[in-house]
Structure formats: structure tokens, C-alpha cells
Amino acid sequence: MTSSGHIKSTETITALFAGASKIDPEAAIQAHSNRPVTVDVVSNGREAIQWFKKVSKPAPDRSPPT
């Protein structure tokens, strides 16, 4: 990310699809994005929560200033 919080156009986007789909998620995302895309597919909401736990970064320590 840039310092302003915007994503650079060269950064990879990660998309998560949960549940059965009649479309090809990777093809759908690639068709609508001009950035590199990583697509992860899980079969249900429980697996989606597990995925988020695995990829999430811990929040920075937000201790009050002294």
C-alpha cells in the first residue's frame, strides 16, 4: 500500500470465494481486474473463518501514549 492507504495498481489482490459456485471464480475476478489476482476457494463459512485466521496479521499494539 502507499502511504495514503491506496493499493498500488501492481499489488496483488486476494479474493476469497466460499461455497459452491456455478462460475469460475478466478476467471471472473481476472476479467474485472487490471491487477494480479490470487483466488482462494473454500467450501463453506467455517473454512472461510479458518482462512481469515490463517492470513490475518495481528493488530498493532495500540497502547495509549504515556
Protein backbone atom coordinates (compact mmCIF):
# COMPACT_ATOMS: atom_id res chain seq x y z
CA MET A 1 0.00 0.00 0.00
CA THR A 2 1.04 3.54 -0.48
CA SER A 3 1.30 5.93 2.44
CA SER A 4 -2.14 7.32 1.59
CA GLY A 5 -3.68 3.87 2.07
CA HIS A 6 -4.45 3.25 -1.61
CA ILE A 7 -3.42 -0.01 -3.22
CA LYS A 8 -0.81 0.33 -5.95
CA SER A 9 -2.00 -0.95 -9.32
CA THR A 10 0.79 -3.56 -9.34
CA GLU A 11 -0.07 -5.11 -5.96
CA THR A 12 -1.78 -8.48 -5.94
CA ILE A 13 -5.39 -8.63 -4.84
CA THR A 14 -6.52 -11.70 -2.89
CA ALA A 15 -10.14 -12.81 -3.31
CA LEU A 16 -11.87 -15.48 -1.24
CA PHE A 17 -14.87 -17.40 -2.53
CA ALA A 18 -16.88 -19.53 -0.09
CA GLY A 19 -19.42 -22.15 -1.08
CA ALA A 20 -20.35 -23.83 -4.33
CA SER A 21 -20.33 -21.61 -7.36
CA LYS A 22 -21.50 -22.09 -10.93
CA ILE A 23 -18.84 -19.68 -12.16
CA ASP A 24 -15.07 -19.97 -12.33
CA PRO A 25 -14.06 -17.52 -9.56
CA GLU A 26 -10.56 -16.95 -10.91
CA ALA A 27 -11.81 -16.20 -14.43
CA ALA A 28 -14.48 -13.85 -13.08
CA ILE A 29 -12.01 -11.86 -11.00
CA GLN A 30 -9.35 -11.72 -13.74
CA ALA A 31 -11.95 -10.45 -16.20
CA HIS A 32 -12.74 -7.45 -13.99
CA SER A 33 -9.31 -6.55 -12.67
CA ASN A 34 -6.23 -4.96 -14.15
CA ARG A 35 -4.11 -6.17 -11.22
CA PRO A 36 -2.63 -9.57 -10.44
CA VAL A 37 -5.19 -11.63 -8.52
CA THR A 38 -4.86 -14.61 -6.19
CA VAL A 39 -8.10 -16.53 -5.77
CA ASP A 40 -8.70 -18.87 -2.84
CA VAL A 41 -11.81 -21.05 -2.74
CA VAL A 42 -13.23 -22.71 0.38
CA SER A 43 -16.33 -24.87 0.61
CA ASN A 44 -18.17 -23.17 3.48
CA GLY A 45 -18.25 -20.37 6.04
CA ARG A 46 -16.36 -22.36 8.65
CA GLU A 47 -13.45 -22.83 6.24
CA ALA A 48 -13.63 -19.12 5.38
CA ILE A 49 -13.18 -18.21 9.06
CA GLN A 50 -10.22 -20.60 9.28
CA TRP A 51 -8.74 -18.94 6.15
CA PHE A 52 -9.09 -15.47 7.68
CA LYS A 53 -7.45 -16.62 10.91
CA LYS A 54 -4.55 -18.06 8.92
CA VAL A 55 -3.91 -14.99 6.74
CA SER A 56 -4.74 -12.20 9.20
CA LYS A 57 -1.95 -10.17 10.67
CA PRO A 58 -2.16 -9.29 14.36
CA ALA A 59 -3.36 -5.77 15.06
CA PRO A 60 -0.60 -3.39 16.04
CA ASP A 61 -0.31 -2.60 19.72
CA ARG A 62 -2.42 0.49 20.29
CA SER A 63 -1.28 1.29 23.81
CA PRO A 64 -2.28 4.76 24.93
CA PRO A 65 0.56 7.28 24.84
CA THR A 66 2.22 7.99 28.17
